[in-house]
Each structure stands twice: as C-alpha cells, then as structure tokens.
N, C-alpha and C. Protein backbone atom coordinates (compact mmCIF):
# COMPACT_ATOMS: atom_id res chain seq x y z
N UNK A 1 50.79 78.12 -101.45
CA UNK A 1 50.29 78.45 -100.15
C UNK A 1 51.34 79.31 -99.43
N UNK A 2 50.89 80.33 -98.72
CA UNK A 2 51.79 81.24 -98.02
C UNK A 2 52.29 80.62 -96.72
N UNK A 3 53.48 81.02 -96.35
CA UNK A 3 54.07 80.52 -95.11
C UNK A 3 53.42 81.22 -93.92
N UNK A 4 53.36 80.57 -92.77
CA UNK A 4 52.80 81.22 -91.58
C UNK A 4 53.63 82.44 -91.19
N UNK A 5 53.01 83.32 -90.48
CA UNK A 5 53.67 84.58 -90.11
C UNK A 5 54.93 84.36 -89.28
N UNK A 6 54.94 83.37 -88.43
CA UNK A 6 56.09 83.14 -87.56
C UNK A 6 57.35 82.82 -88.35
N UNK A 7 57.21 82.22 -89.49
CA UNK A 7 58.37 81.85 -90.28
C UNK A 7 58.89 83.01 -91.12
N UNK A 8 58.07 84.01 -91.37
CA UNK A 8 58.51 85.14 -92.20
C UNK A 8 59.47 86.07 -91.46
N UNK A 9 59.15 86.35 -90.21
CA UNK A 9 59.93 87.33 -89.46
C UNK A 9 60.96 86.64 -88.58
N UNK A 10 62.19 87.16 -88.58
CA UNK A 10 63.18 86.59 -87.65
C UNK A 10 62.86 87.04 -86.22
N UNK A 11 63.20 86.22 -85.28
CA UNK A 11 62.95 86.54 -83.88
C UNK A 11 63.93 87.60 -83.40
N UNK A 12 63.40 88.63 -82.76
CA UNK A 12 64.26 89.68 -82.21
C UNK A 12 64.62 89.34 -80.77
N UNK A 13 65.83 89.74 -80.39
CA UNK A 13 66.23 89.56 -79.01
C UNK A 13 65.55 90.63 -78.16
N UNK A 14 65.10 90.24 -77.00
CA UNK A 14 64.48 91.19 -76.10
C UNK A 14 65.58 91.90 -75.33
N UNK A 15 65.60 93.21 -75.43
CA UNK A 15 66.61 93.99 -74.72
C UNK A 15 66.00 94.55 -73.45
N UNK A 16 66.80 94.59 -72.43
CA UNK A 16 66.36 95.13 -71.14
C UNK A 16 66.61 96.63 -71.13
N UNK A 17 65.57 97.40 -70.97
CA UNK A 17 65.69 98.85 -70.91
C UNK A 17 65.39 99.28 -69.48
N UNK A 18 66.38 99.88 -68.85
CA UNK A 18 66.21 100.31 -67.47
C UNK A 18 65.37 101.58 -67.43
N UNK A 19 64.39 101.60 -66.56
CA UNK A 19 63.54 102.78 -66.42
C UNK A 19 64.32 103.85 -65.69
N UNK A 20 64.37 105.03 -66.28
CA UNK A 20 65.10 106.12 -65.67
C UNK A 20 64.25 106.75 -64.57
N UNK A 21 64.88 107.08 -63.50
CA UNK A 21 64.19 107.66 -62.35
C UNK A 21 64.49 109.14 -62.29
N UNK A 22 63.47 109.92 -62.03
CA UNK A 22 63.64 111.36 -61.91
C UNK A 22 64.53 111.66 -60.70
N UNK A 23 65.59 112.40 -60.91
CA UNK A 23 66.51 112.65 -59.81
C UNK A 23 65.91 113.59 -58.77
N UNK A 24 64.96 114.41 -59.18
CA UNK A 24 64.32 115.34 -58.24
C UNK A 24 63.29 114.62 -57.37
N UNK A 25 62.66 113.59 -57.91
CA UNK A 25 61.73 112.78 -57.11
C UNK A 25 62.50 111.87 -56.15
N UNK A 26 63.65 111.39 -56.58
CA UNK A 26 64.44 110.49 -55.74
C UNK A 26 65.10 111.24 -54.59
N UNK A 27 65.61 112.45 -54.87
CA UNK A 27 66.30 113.25 -53.85
C UNK A 27 65.48 114.51 -53.62
N UNK A 28 64.75 114.54 -52.51
CA UNK A 28 63.84 115.66 -52.24
C UNK A 28 64.58 116.95 -51.89
N UNK A 29 65.89 116.88 -51.59
CA UNK A 29 66.62 118.09 -51.24
C UNK A 29 67.00 118.93 -52.46
N UNK A 30 67.04 118.31 -53.64
CA UNK A 30 67.35 119.05 -54.86
C UNK A 30 66.17 119.93 -55.25
N UNK A 31 66.46 121.15 -55.59
CA UNK A 31 65.40 122.06 -56.04
C UNK A 31 65.78 122.61 -57.41
N UNK A 32 64.78 122.99 -58.17
CA UNK A 32 64.99 123.57 -59.49
C UNK A 32 64.82 125.07 -59.35
N UNK A 33 65.89 125.80 -59.64
CA UNK A 33 65.86 127.25 -59.53
C UNK A 33 66.59 127.84 -60.72
N UNK A 34 66.09 128.93 -61.24
CA UNK A 34 66.71 129.54 -62.42
C UNK A 34 68.08 130.12 -62.11
N UNK A 35 68.38 130.36 -60.84
CA UNK A 35 69.68 130.93 -60.47
C UNK A 35 70.76 129.86 -60.33
N UNK A 36 70.38 128.60 -60.28
CA UNK A 36 71.32 127.51 -60.13
C UNK A 36 71.75 127.02 -61.51
N UNK A 37 72.81 127.63 -62.04
CA UNK A 37 73.24 127.37 -63.41
C UNK A 37 73.87 126.00 -63.56
N UNK A 38 74.54 125.49 -62.51
CA UNK A 38 75.21 124.19 -62.60
C UNK A 38 74.22 123.06 -62.88
N UNK A 39 73.10 123.07 -62.20
CA UNK A 39 72.11 122.02 -62.43
C UNK A 39 71.45 122.19 -63.78
N UNK A 40 71.15 123.41 -64.17
CA UNK A 40 70.43 123.66 -65.42
C UNK A 40 71.27 123.34 -66.66
N UNK A 41 72.58 123.46 -66.58
CA UNK A 41 73.41 123.16 -67.75
C UNK A 41 73.39 121.67 -68.09
N UNK A 42 73.07 120.81 -67.12
CA UNK A 42 72.99 119.38 -67.43
C UNK A 42 71.74 119.05 -68.24
N UNK A 43 70.76 119.94 -68.24
CA UNK A 43 69.53 119.72 -69.00
C UNK A 43 69.58 120.34 -70.39
N UNK A 44 70.72 120.90 -70.77
CA UNK A 44 70.87 121.53 -72.08
C UNK A 44 71.89 120.73 -72.88
N UNK A 45 71.57 120.46 -74.13
CA UNK A 45 72.46 119.70 -75.01
C UNK A 45 73.58 120.56 -75.56
N UNK A 46 74.36 119.99 -76.47
CA UNK A 46 75.51 120.69 -77.05
C UNK A 46 75.09 121.89 -77.90
N UNK A 47 73.97 121.77 -78.56
CA UNK A 47 73.53 122.86 -79.44
C UNK A 47 72.68 123.89 -78.71
N UNK A 48 72.48 123.72 -77.42
CA UNK A 48 71.71 124.68 -76.65
C UNK A 48 70.25 124.32 -76.52
N UNK A 49 69.87 123.16 -77.00
CA UNK A 49 68.47 122.74 -76.91
C UNK A 49 68.21 122.07 -75.56
N UNK A 50 66.97 122.16 -75.10
CA UNK A 50 66.58 121.52 -73.86
C UNK A 50 66.42 120.02 -74.12
N UNK A 51 67.06 119.21 -73.28
CA UNK A 51 67.03 117.76 -73.45
C UNK A 51 65.65 117.24 -73.06
N UNK A 52 65.02 116.38 -73.89
CA UNK A 52 63.68 115.89 -73.55
C UNK A 52 63.69 114.93 -72.35
N UNK A 53 62.53 114.80 -71.73
CA UNK A 53 62.44 114.00 -70.52
C UNK A 53 62.63 112.51 -70.80
N UNK A 54 62.30 112.04 -71.99
CA UNK A 54 62.47 110.61 -72.29
C UNK A 54 63.94 110.24 -72.35
N UNK A 55 64.81 111.19 -72.64
CA UNK A 55 66.26 110.93 -72.68
C UNK A 55 66.87 111.12 -71.29
N UNK A 56 66.49 112.20 -70.63
CA UNK A 56 67.12 112.49 -69.35
C UNK A 56 66.48 111.74 -68.20
N UNK A 57 65.17 111.46 -68.29
CA UNK A 57 64.52 110.66 -67.26
C UNK A 57 63.73 111.45 -66.24
N UNK A 58 63.48 112.71 -66.51
CA UNK A 58 62.67 113.50 -65.58
C UNK A 58 61.21 113.12 -65.68
N UNK A 59 60.48 113.30 -64.58
CA UNK A 59 59.03 113.13 -64.65
C UNK A 59 58.46 114.40 -65.28
N UNK A 60 57.19 114.37 -65.65
CA UNK A 60 56.58 115.48 -66.38
C UNK A 60 56.55 116.76 -65.55
N UNK A 61 56.28 116.62 -64.27
CA UNK A 61 56.20 117.79 -63.38
C UNK A 61 57.55 118.51 -63.30
N UNK A 62 58.61 117.75 -63.09
CA UNK A 62 59.93 118.36 -62.96
C UNK A 62 60.50 118.80 -64.31
N UNK A 63 60.10 118.14 -65.39
CA UNK A 63 60.55 118.58 -66.71
C UNK A 63 59.97 119.96 -67.03
N UNK A 64 58.71 120.19 -66.68
CA UNK A 64 58.10 121.51 -66.90
C UNK A 64 58.81 122.57 -66.08
N UNK A 65 59.15 122.25 -64.83
CA UNK A 65 59.85 123.21 -63.98
C UNK A 65 61.25 123.51 -64.52
N UNK A 66 61.93 122.47 -65.05
CA UNK A 66 63.27 122.66 -65.63
C UNK A 66 63.21 123.56 -66.86
N UNK A 67 62.23 123.32 -67.72
CA UNK A 67 62.09 124.14 -68.93
C UNK A 67 61.82 125.59 -68.57
N UNK A 68 60.96 125.79 -67.59
CA UNK A 68 60.64 127.15 -67.17
C UNK A 68 61.86 127.85 -66.57
N UNK A 69 62.63 127.11 -65.76
CA UNK A 69 63.83 127.69 -65.14
C UNK A 69 64.90 127.99 -66.19
N UNK A 70 65.05 127.13 -67.18
CA UNK A 70 66.03 127.38 -68.25
C UNK A 70 65.65 128.61 -69.04
N UNK A 71 64.38 128.74 -69.36
CA UNK A 71 63.92 129.91 -70.13
C UNK A 71 64.10 131.20 -69.34
N UNK A 72 63.86 131.15 -68.04
CA UNK A 72 64.08 132.34 -67.21
C UNK A 72 65.56 132.68 -67.12
N UNK A 73 66.40 131.67 -66.98
CA UNK A 73 67.85 131.91 -66.89
C UNK A 73 68.39 132.46 -68.21
N UNK A 74 67.83 132.02 -69.33
CA UNK A 74 68.25 132.57 -70.63
C UNK A 74 67.82 134.03 -70.77
N UNK A 75 66.64 134.34 -70.25
CA UNK A 75 66.11 135.70 -70.38
C UNK A 75 66.99 136.72 -69.65
N UNK A 76 67.52 136.35 -68.51
CA UNK A 76 68.38 137.29 -67.77
C UNK A 76 69.86 137.00 -67.98
N UNK A 77 70.19 136.26 -69.03
CA UNK A 77 71.56 136.03 -69.52
C UNK A 77 72.43 135.22 -68.56
N UNK A 78 71.84 134.31 -67.81
CA UNK A 78 72.65 133.36 -67.03
C UNK A 78 73.04 132.15 -67.87
N UNK A 79 72.20 131.81 -68.86
CA UNK A 79 72.47 130.72 -69.79
C UNK A 79 72.39 131.25 -71.22
N UNK A 80 73.20 130.68 -72.13
CA UNK A 80 73.13 131.13 -73.52
C UNK A 80 71.93 130.51 -74.25
N UNK A 81 71.45 131.20 -75.25
CA UNK A 81 70.38 130.67 -76.10
C UNK A 81 70.92 129.61 -77.06
N UNK A 82 72.13 129.81 -77.56
CA UNK A 82 72.74 128.84 -78.46
C UNK A 82 73.83 128.08 -77.72
N UNK A 83 74.30 127.02 -78.32
CA UNK A 83 75.30 126.19 -77.68
C UNK A 83 76.72 126.57 -78.00
N UNK A 84 76.94 127.70 -78.68
CA UNK A 84 78.29 128.06 -79.10
C UNK A 84 79.17 128.49 -77.94
N UNK A 85 78.63 129.16 -76.97
CA UNK A 85 79.46 129.62 -75.84
C UNK A 85 78.99 128.94 -74.57
N UNK A 86 79.93 128.43 -73.80
CA UNK A 86 79.62 127.78 -72.54
C UNK A 86 79.84 128.74 -71.40
N UNK A 87 78.85 128.88 -70.54
CA UNK A 87 78.99 129.73 -69.37
C UNK A 87 79.33 128.84 -68.18
N UNK A 88 80.47 129.10 -67.55
CA UNK A 88 80.88 128.33 -66.38
C UNK A 88 80.99 129.28 -65.21
N UNK A 89 80.20 129.00 -64.19
CA UNK A 89 80.23 129.86 -62.99
C UNK A 89 80.38 129.04 -61.76
C-alpha cells in the first residue's frame, strides 16, 4: 500500500516575501524622462539590459515608460546599448 501524500513530501518553510512598491507611484514628484540619465541608469543591469519589473518593483505603467525612456536615451547616445562603458553625468 502506498504512503499518503503528506508523508512523501517534506514540509517547506514559508518565507515572507515583501511586496515591492513602485517608487514612482509612491513619490508623485518623480518623473520619468529620457534626459534624466541618473534615474535611468538604475533600471539598467551590468550587461546593459533593462531590469524587469518583477525584480525592480515597478508597476506595469511605469515600467513601460521606463523602457521607452531608456530606448530614447540610447537612440540619442545618452545611455550605452551595451554594459561595457558606463556614462556618468
């Protein structure tokens, strides 16, 4: 006879995961602009990729605006396409 399911699997500890809050929703004075390189560099990883919203905690609306601003800043050479060179202004 097979053992009940509860005895087969070990019990996992429940971990508390804090819900990340969008910083743009929390602080209404912050704006997303392609000319503001300091804010946009925090949304780019080491390799030059755009950090996803599940990691950074942006809401969908602000994540779309961030991606659009990063792409515009890359187009006019305010931000690099790759992560090899860091632009500090």
